């Protein structure tokens, strides 16, 4: 930066010295962590997808442009949970994909969508990035996990040039290696992601409804929103009900209903922490920010909230139960799984039906299936743990 200031010329994208460099207690290098939304999702992920599918790369061994119809068929068949911001859409629009769409592809869809189509060496390579990013997004990080991700991301960067050529070694690929140090300094990737700020921009833009004085529109609606969320209203206030109806999202808590008592079949197994034997039956509930639905309710929808994981076991929800203390349980058909990568399992449903208590350890999942060589293959992937940034 000093050299740029002396010469006045740009070098390696550096125009001059930032004012932050004059702060004695501020490390101008480590204090600006790379944003994984732009570096990984809109950067590396979009870059490799372009190389895989664009015709200019048709002579390369990784080119899959001739199989895009099958890839799209698989992608559009996947039904993510309703908490996903966007559902899969046509591949011809991939240049317009948002970051959360690339995130879903990287963390969940990419292996089932490309299995048997993209050569295995390239699939294994991109899964190094996929499994590492998935783990680095967890709020339950430890040194062992970080070290494992560091090793995987080093392998990813080292193999990238071998597989795609030196000309493909972009700045975003380089930034992948710096994610580990940023995680050690600031915690999981969501702590310094720009996702919340981009969401805030979208919220502000939505406040504009016409071309007349747009800044004033945004300012007024933002102030009303802030007042309704953070101003404590008297209990007798005439606008209290209006505020609750218009500005807050409240879900009616599940309550025991003696009119819909659950009658279990003889083969039902109860988890050790299930003490109650009398439950009412329900089809949908909200718990800890998750939306859970039964398999039958989700049929015919473009979303599927019927898959969960608890303590290493995966279940497809057939019933949702509530006991007399208004605690929530699920009746689930257990899936037998085989780990493929850290965030992906091959699976098939068993005959075991189990009653499972819903608590903080329950994690939502996405189940996917593809047809290959006239055989149905099923996969399941844990969704990332939702945090305050979501």
Protein backbone atom coordinates (compact mmCIF):
# COMPACT_ATOMS: atom_id res chain seq x y z
CA UNK A 1 0.00 0.00 0.00
CA UNK A 2 2.90 2.35 0.72
CA UNK A 3 4.25 1.66 -2.76
CA UNK A 4 0.88 2.56 -4.30
CA UNK A 5 0.80 5.83 -2.37
CA UNK A 6 4.28 6.77 -3.63
CA UNK A 7 3.76 5.84 -7.27
CA UNK A 8 0.06 6.59 -7.59
CA UNK A 9 -0.41 3.50 -9.76
CA UNK A 10 -2.68 0.51 -9.27
CA UNK A 11 -0.99 -2.80 -8.57
CA UNK A 12 -2.73 -6.17 -8.02
CA UNK A 13 -6.01 -4.31 -7.61
CA UNK A 14 -4.65 -2.08 -4.82
CA UNK A 15 -5.27 1.64 -5.38
CA UNK A 16 -3.71 3.03 -2.22
CA UNK A 17 -3.58 2.92 1.55
CA UNK A 18 -6.84 2.59 3.48
CA UNK A 19 -7.48 4.96 6.37
CA UNK A 20 -7.83 1.90 8.64
CA UNK A 21 -4.09 1.25 8.27
CA UNK A 22 -3.39 4.22 10.55
CA UNK A 23 -5.24 2.64 13.49
CA UNK A 24 -2.60 1.15 15.80
CA UNK A 25 -4.80 -1.55 17.37
CA UNK A 26 -6.38 -2.56 14.06
CA UNK A 27 -4.89 -5.38 11.95
CA UNK A 28 -5.79 -4.27 8.45
CA UNK A 29 -5.29 -7.79 7.06
CA UNK A 30 -6.98 -10.17 9.49
CA UNK A 31 -9.72 -7.70 10.43
CA UNK A 32 -11.30 -7.92 6.96
CA UNK A 33 -12.36 -11.58 6.67
CA UNK A 34 -13.47 -12.93 3.28
CA UNK A 35 -17.23 -13.23 2.85
CA UNK A 36 -18.17 -16.79 1.94
CA UNK A 37 -21.38 -15.63 0.24
CA UNK A 38 -19.41 -13.80 -2.47
CA UNK A 39 -16.14 -15.77 -2.42
CA UNK A 40 -17.59 -19.30 -2.34
CA UNK A 41 -21.24 -19.22 -3.45
CA UNK A 42 -21.28 -16.42 -6.04
CA UNK A 43 -17.57 -16.95 -6.70
CA UNK A 44 -16.18 -20.49 -6.78
CA UNK A 45 -19.49 -22.35 -7.02
CA UNK A 46 -20.78 -20.25 -9.89
CA UNK A 47 -17.37 -20.44 -11.59
CA UNK A 48 -17.16 -24.24 -11.59
CA UNK A 49 -20.80 -24.57 -12.68
CA UNK A 50 -20.05 -22.30 -15.63
CA UNK A 51 -17.07 -24.42 -16.60
CA UNK A 52 -19.10 -27.63 -16.29
CA UNK A 53 -21.98 -26.42 -18.46
CA UNK A 54 -20.91 -23.67 -20.90
CA UNK A 55 -20.13 -24.74 -24.48
CA UNK A 56 -16.74 -23.00 -24.56
CA UNK A 57 -15.49 -25.82 -22.31
CA UNK A 58 -17.00 -28.63 -24.43
CA UNK A 59 -13.60 -30.26 -25.05
CA UNK A 60 -12.81 -30.55 -21.34
CA UNK A 61 -13.26 -33.84 -19.45
CA UNK A 62 -15.48 -32.12 -16.88
CA UNK A 63 -17.98 -30.78 -19.44
CA UNK A 64 -21.56 -31.98 -18.79
CA UNK A 65 -23.44 -29.63 -21.13
CA UNK A 66 -24.87 -32.56 -23.08
CA UNK A 67 -26.55 -33.95 -19.93
CA UNK A 68 -28.19 -30.78 -18.61
CA UNK A 69 -31.69 -32.09 -19.29
CA UNK A 70 -31.15 -34.98 -16.87
CA UNK A 71 -29.46 -32.70 -14.31
CA UNK A 72 -32.39 -30.28 -14.46
CA UNK A 73 -34.90 -33.12 -14.15
CA UNK A 74 -33.20 -34.26 -10.96
CA UNK A 75 -32.88 -30.76 -9.51
CA UNK A 76 -36.53 -29.88 -10.11
CA UNK A 77 -37.63 -33.12 -8.42
CA UNK A 78 -35.95 -32.19 -5.13
CA UNK A 79 -38.30 -30.81 -2.47
CA UNK A 80 -36.45 -28.83 0.21
CA UNK A 81 -37.99 -27.76 3.54
CA UNK A 82 -40.23 -24.69 3.49
CA UNK A 83 -37.54 -22.77 5.40
CA UNK A 84 -35.43 -22.62 2.21
CA UNK A 85 -35.64 -19.15 0.69
CA UNK A 86 -35.93 -20.50 -2.86
CA UNK A 87 -36.83 -23.78 -4.52
CA UNK A 88 -34.84 -25.32 -7.41
CA UNK A 89 -35.46 -23.66 -10.78
CA UNK A 90 -34.50 -24.17 -14.41
CA UNK A 91 -30.80 -24.33 -15.27
CA UNK A 92 -31.10 -21.86 -18.14
CA UNK A 93 -31.46 -19.19 -15.44
CA UNK A 94 -28.31 -20.20 -13.54
CA UNK A 95 -26.59 -16.88 -14.28
CA UNK A 96 -29.40 -15.21 -12.31
CA UNK A 97 -29.23 -17.59 -9.35
CA UNK A 98 -29.05 -15.90 -5.96
CA UNK A 99 -26.50 -16.80 -3.31
CA UNK A 100 -28.97 -18.88 -1.27
CA UNK A 101 -29.68 -20.97 -4.39
CA UNK A 102 -25.98 -21.67 -4.86
CA UNK A 103 -25.77 -22.51 -1.16
CA UNK A 104 -28.51 -25.14 -1.48
CA UNK A 105 -26.79 -26.61 -4.54
CA UNK A 106 -23.39 -26.74 -2.86
CA UNK A 107 -24.53 -28.11 0.50
CA UNK A 108 -27.32 -30.47 -0.59
CA UNK A 109 -28.20 -30.93 -4.26
CA UNK A 110 -24.88 -31.19 -6.03
CA UNK A 111 -24.02 -34.86 -5.45
CA UNK A 112 -27.47 -36.37 -6.21
CA UNK A 113 -27.90 -34.05 -9.20
CA UNK A 114 -24.53 -34.90 -10.77
CA UNK A 115 -23.93 -38.51 -9.68
CA UNK A 116 -23.10 -40.62 -12.72
CA UNK A 117 -22.95 -37.51 -14.91
CA UNK A 118 -19.93 -35.52 -13.71
CA UNK A 119 -16.78 -37.70 -13.58
CA UNK A 120 -16.22 -38.99 -10.04
CA UNK A 121 -12.87 -37.26 -9.59
CA UNK A 122 -14.53 -33.86 -10.10
CA UNK A 123 -17.48 -34.81 -7.91
CA UNK A 124 -15.19 -35.87 -5.07
CA UNK A 125 -13.26 -32.63 -5.50
CA UNK A 126 -16.27 -30.30 -5.19
CA UNK A 127 -17.52 -32.32 -2.21
CA UNK A 128 -14.33 -31.34 -0.35
CA UNK A 129 -15.62 -27.78 -0.54
CA UNK A 130 -19.23 -28.77 0.17
CA UNK A 131 -18.53 -30.75 3.35
CA UNK A 132 -16.04 -28.15 4.64
CA UNK A 133 -18.43 -25.22 4.20
CA UNK A 134 -21.24 -27.21 5.82
CA UNK A 135 -19.13 -27.85 8.92
CA UNK A 136 -17.79 -24.29 9.07
CA UNK A 137 -21.38 -22.99 9.17
CA UNK A 138 -22.10 -24.89 12.38
CA UNK A 139 -22.29 -22.97 15.68
CA UNK A 140 -20.80 -26.05 17.36
CA UNK A 141 -17.29 -25.70 15.95
CA UNK A 142 -14.24 -27.08 17.73
CA UNK A 143 -10.53 -27.15 16.96
CA UNK A 144 -10.66 -30.70 15.61
CA UNK A 145 -13.38 -29.79 13.11
CA UNK A 146 -11.54 -26.64 12.03
CA UNK A 147 -8.31 -28.58 11.49
CA UNK A 148 -10.17 -31.18 9.42
CA UNK A 149 -11.73 -28.46 7.26
CA UNK A 150 -8.32 -26.82 6.87
CA UNK A 151 -6.92 -30.06 5.47
CA UNK A 152 -9.86 -30.50 3.09
CA UNK A 153 -9.73 -26.94 1.77
CA UNK A 154 -5.97 -27.25 1.17
CA UNK A 155 -6.68 -30.37 -0.89
CA UNK A 156 -9.45 -28.53 -2.74
CA UNK A 157 -7.19 -25.63 -3.72
CA UNK A 158 -4.21 -27.86 -4.57
CA UNK A 159 -6.27 -30.09 -6.86
CA UNK A 160 -8.15 -27.20 -8.47
CA UNK A 161 -5.29 -26.22 -10.76
CA UNK A 162 -4.64 -29.86 -11.71
CA UNK A 163 -8.28 -30.48 -12.60
CA UNK A 164 -9.26 -27.16 -14.20
CA UNK A 165 -6.01 -25.55 -15.30
CA UNK A 166 -3.87 -22.67 -14.09
CA UNK A 167 -6.07 -20.08 -15.83
CA UNK A 168 -8.94 -21.11 -13.55
CA UNK A 169 -7.07 -20.22 -10.36
CA UNK A 170 -9.05 -17.08 -9.63
CA UNK A 171 -8.91 -14.77 -6.63
CA UNK A 172 -12.03 -16.43 -5.19
CA UNK A 173 -10.35 -19.84 -5.31
CA UNK A 174 -7.41 -18.33 -3.44
CA UNK A 175 -9.74 -16.85 -0.79
CA UNK A 176 -11.03 -20.31 0.11
CA UNK A 177 -7.76 -21.00 1.94
CA UNK A 178 -8.20 -17.86 4.05
CA UNK A 179 -11.61 -18.95 5.39
CA UNK A 180 -10.00 -21.11 8.07
CA UNK A 181 -8.03 -18.28 9.65
CA UNK A 182 -11.12 -16.08 9.50
CA UNK A 183 -13.12 -18.78 11.32
CA UNK A 184 -10.41 -19.01 14.00
CA UNK A 185 -10.60 -15.23 14.45
CA UNK A 186 -14.35 -14.64 14.23
CA UNK A 187 -16.13 -17.98 14.65
CA UNK A 188 -18.45 -19.81 12.22
CA UNK A 189 -18.87 -18.43 8.71
CA UNK A 190 -22.28 -16.88 9.40
CA UNK A 191 -20.67 -14.48 11.91
CA UNK A 192 -19.06 -12.46 9.11
CA UNK A 193 -21.36 -13.30 6.20
CA UNK A 194 -23.08 -10.58 4.20
CA UNK A 195 -26.33 -12.56 3.99
CA UNK A 196 -28.06 -10.50 6.76
CA UNK A 197 -27.05 -7.23 5.10
CA UNK A 198 -28.26 -8.35 1.67
CA UNK A 199 -31.54 -9.38 3.29
CA UNK A 200 -31.73 -5.95 4.88
CA UNK A 201 -31.25 -4.32 1.48
CA UNK A 202 -34.08 -6.42 0.06
CA UNK A 203 -36.31 -5.42 2.97
CA UNK A 204 -35.62 -1.72 2.42
CA UNK A 205 -36.24 -1.97 -1.31
CA UNK A 206 -39.56 -3.69 -0.63
CA UNK A 207 -40.68 -0.57 1.26
CA UNK A 208 -40.66 1.32 -2.02
CA UNK A 209 -44.02 0.90 -3.77
CA UNK A 210 -43.96 3.75 -6.31
CA UNK A 211 -41.59 6.17 -8.02
CA UNK A 212 -42.84 9.16 -6.04
CA UNK A 213 -40.35 10.14 -3.32
CA UNK A 214 -38.88 6.62 -2.86
CA UNK A 215 -36.44 7.68 -0.13
CA UNK A 216 -39.28 9.12 1.93
CA UNK A 217 -41.33 5.94 1.47
CA UNK A 218 -38.47 3.78 2.74
CA UNK A 219 -37.78 6.10 5.68
CA UNK A 220 -41.40 6.20 6.86
CA UNK A 221 -42.04 2.47 6.58
CA UNK A 222 -38.73 1.63 8.24
CA UNK A 223 -39.63 3.88 11.19
CA UNK A 224 -43.09 2.30 11.50
CA UNK A 225 -41.57 -1.16 11.40
CA UNK A 226 -39.01 -0.25 14.06
CA UNK A 227 -41.62 1.39 16.27
CA UNK A 228 -43.95 -1.62 16.09
CA UNK A 229 -41.20 -4.12 16.86
CA UNK A 230 -39.30 -2.28 19.58
CA UNK A 231 -41.79 0.08 21.22
CA UNK A 232 -43.58 -1.39 24.24
CA UNK A 233 -47.29 -0.66 23.87
CA UNK A 234 -49.69 -0.25 26.82
CA UNK A 235 -51.95 -3.27 27.29
CA UNK A 236 -55.00 -1.08 26.57
CA UNK A 237 -53.57 0.42 23.39
CA UNK A 238 -56.14 0.38 20.55
CA UNK A 239 -53.44 -0.49 17.98
CA UNK A 240 -51.96 -3.45 19.88
CA UNK A 241 -54.00 -6.04 17.97
CA UNK A 242 -53.17 -4.31 14.69
CA UNK A 243 -49.46 -4.47 15.44
CA UNK A 244 -49.66 -8.17 16.28
CA UNK A 245 -51.65 -8.95 13.14
CA UNK A 246 -49.66 -6.91 10.63
CA UNK A 247 -46.10 -6.81 11.94
CA UNK A 248 -45.45 -9.96 13.94
CA UNK A 249 -45.42 -13.62 13.00
CA UNK A 250 -46.89 -15.66 15.78
CA UNK A 251 -47.65 -19.37 15.54
CA UNK A 252 -50.29 -20.91 17.75
CA UNK A 253 -48.50 -23.35 20.07
CA UNK A 254 -49.54 -26.98 19.85
CA UNK A 255 -51.91 -28.06 22.62
CA UNK A 256 -53.21 -31.41 23.73
CA UNK A 257 -56.62 -32.21 22.26
CA UNK A 258 -58.52 -35.08 23.87
CA UNK A 259 -60.70 -35.41 20.74
CA UNK A 260 -57.82 -36.72 18.59
CA UNK A 261 -56.09 -39.33 20.73
CA UNK A 262 -53.23 -41.27 19.14
CA UNK A 263 -53.77 -45.03 18.92
CA UNK A 264 -50.39 -46.70 18.30
CA UNK A 265 -49.95 -50.00 16.53
CA UNK A 266 -48.21 -52.87 18.31
CA UNK A 267 -44.93 -52.39 16.46
CA UNK A 268 -44.35 -48.79 17.60
CA UNK A 269 -41.13 -48.31 19.61
CA UNK A 270 -40.75 -45.51 22.16
CA UNK A 271 -37.49 -43.63 22.75
CA UNK A 272 -36.07 -43.87 26.27
CA UNK A 273 -36.92 -40.23 27.05
CA UNK A 274 -40.62 -40.70 26.16
CA UNK A 275 -42.53 -41.15 29.42
CA UNK A 276 -46.07 -40.33 28.31
CA UNK A 277 -48.41 -42.83 26.66
CA UNK A 278 -51.40 -40.58 25.90
CA UNK A 279 -51.07 -38.13 23.02
CA UNK A 280 -53.24 -36.13 20.67
CA UNK A 281 -52.51 -36.32 16.93
CA UNK A 282 -51.60 -33.33 14.75
CA UNK A 283 -50.32 -32.76 11.23
CA UNK A 284 -48.12 -29.66 11.60
CA UNK A 285 -46.21 -27.79 14.30
CA UNK A 286 -43.63 -25.05 14.87
CA UNK A 287 -40.78 -25.78 17.25
CA UNK A 288 -37.54 -23.86 17.84
CA UNK A 289 -37.86 -22.07 14.52
CA UNK A 290 -38.53 -25.31 12.61
CA UNK A 291 -41.69 -26.18 10.73
CA UNK A 292 -42.51 -29.89 10.99
CA UNK A 293 -45.22 -31.60 8.93
CA UNK A 294 -46.32 -35.15 8.37
CA UNK A 295 -45.46 -37.00 5.19
CA UNK A 296 -49.06 -37.00 3.98
CA UNK A 297 -49.46 -33.23 4.46
CA UNK A 298 -46.34 -32.54 2.38
CA UNK A 299 -47.41 -34.75 -0.53
CA UNK A 300 -48.13 -32.72 -3.62
CA UNK A 301 -46.27 -29.66 -2.31
CA UNK A 302 -43.03 -28.24 -3.68
CA UNK A 303 -41.60 -28.43 -0.15
CA UNK A 304 -41.11 -31.29 2.32
CA UNK A 305 -40.91 -30.64 6.08
CA UNK A 306 -41.29 -34.29 7.06
CA UNK A 307 -37.63 -35.32 7.50
CA UNK A 308 -35.61 -34.86 10.69
CA UNK A 309 -32.46 -36.14 12.35
CA UNK A 310 -31.97 -36.68 16.07
CA UNK A 311 -28.87 -38.12 17.73
CA UNK A 312 -27.61 -39.62 14.49
CA UNK A 313 -30.90 -41.27 13.47
CA UNK A 314 -33.05 -40.08 10.56
CA UNK A 315 -36.85 -40.22 10.46
CA UNK A 316 -39.69 -39.49 8.07
CA UNK A 317 -42.58 -38.04 10.09
CA UNK A 318 -45.89 -39.94 9.87
CA UNK A 319 -47.63 -38.30 12.85
CA UNK A 320 -47.05 -35.32 15.14
CA UNK A 321 -48.06 -35.81 18.76
CA UNK A 322 -48.71 -33.61 21.78
CA UNK A 323 -48.92 -34.84 25.37
CA UNK A 324 -50.93 -33.42 28.26
CA UNK A 325 -48.00 -31.13 29.13
CA UNK A 326 -48.08 -29.76 25.56
CA UNK A 327 -44.69 -31.29 24.76
CA UNK A 328 -44.18 -32.29 21.14
CA UNK A 329 -43.23 -35.69 19.75
CA UNK A 330 -43.12 -37.23 16.31
CA UNK A 331 -43.93 -40.70 15.09
CA UNK A 332 -41.28 -41.42 12.51
CA UNK A 333 -40.35 -44.17 10.10
CA UNK A 334 -36.64 -44.67 10.64
CA UNK A 335 -34.25 -44.54 7.70
CA UNK A 336 -31.14 -46.70 7.54
CA UNK A 337 -28.23 -44.60 6.32
CA UNK A 338 -24.69 -44.97 4.99
CA UNK A 339 -22.40 -41.97 5.18
CA UNK A 340 -21.01 -40.78 1.83
CA UNK A 341 -19.68 -37.38 2.90
CA UNK A 342 -19.94 -35.38 6.12
CA UNK A 343 -23.19 -33.77 4.98
CA UNK A 344 -24.67 -36.50 2.78
CA UNK A 345 -25.95 -40.06 3.34
CA UNK A 346 -27.37 -42.80 1.17
CA UNK A 347 -30.58 -44.04 2.76
CA UNK A 348 -33.60 -46.31 2.59
CA UNK A 349 -36.66 -46.52 4.84
CA UNK A 350 -36.98 -49.41 7.27
CA UNK A 351 -40.08 -50.93 8.85
CA UNK A 352 -39.21 -49.48 12.27
CA UNK A 353 -41.73 -46.94 13.59
CA UNK A 354 -40.56 -44.91 16.59
CA UNK A 355 -41.97 -42.21 18.87
CA UNK A 356 -39.32 -39.48 19.28
CA UNK A 357 -39.39 -36.45 21.55
CA UNK A 358 -38.77 -33.14 19.75
CA UNK A 359 -36.09 -31.10 21.52
CA UNK A 360 -33.20 -28.77 20.69
CA UNK A 361 -31.14 -31.60 19.18
CA UNK A 362 -33.63 -32.19 16.36
CA UNK A 363 -32.31 -31.04 13.00
CA UNK A 364 -34.32 -30.68 9.79
CA UNK A 365 -33.22 -32.63 6.73
CA UNK A 366 -33.79 -32.79 3.00
CA UNK A 367 -34.42 -36.15 1.31
CA UNK A 368 -33.68 -36.60 -2.40
CA UNK A 369 -33.99 -39.45 -4.84
CA UNK A 370 -32.75 -40.05 -8.38
CA UNK A 371 -33.17 -42.79 -10.95
CA UNK A 372 -29.98 -44.18 -12.38
CA UNK A 373 -29.63 -47.33 -14.49
CA UNK A 374 -33.31 -48.13 -13.77
CA UNK A 375 -32.54 -48.09 -10.05
CA UNK A 376 -33.91 -45.64 -7.49
CA UNK A 377 -31.20 -44.16 -5.27
CA UNK A 378 -32.15 -42.16 -2.18
CA UNK A 379 -30.07 -39.60 -0.30
CA UNK A 380 -30.57 -37.49 2.79
CA UNK A 381 -28.71 -34.38 3.90
CA UNK A 382 -28.89 -32.46 7.17
CA UNK A 383 -29.85 -28.83 6.77
CA UNK A 384 -27.49 -26.29 8.29
CA UNK A 385 -28.36 -25.29 11.85
CA UNK A 386 -30.44 -22.12 11.80
CA UNK A 387 -28.86 -19.19 13.62
CA UNK A 388 -29.79 -15.59 14.40
CA UNK A 389 -28.50 -14.66 10.94
CA UNK A 390 -31.25 -16.77 9.32
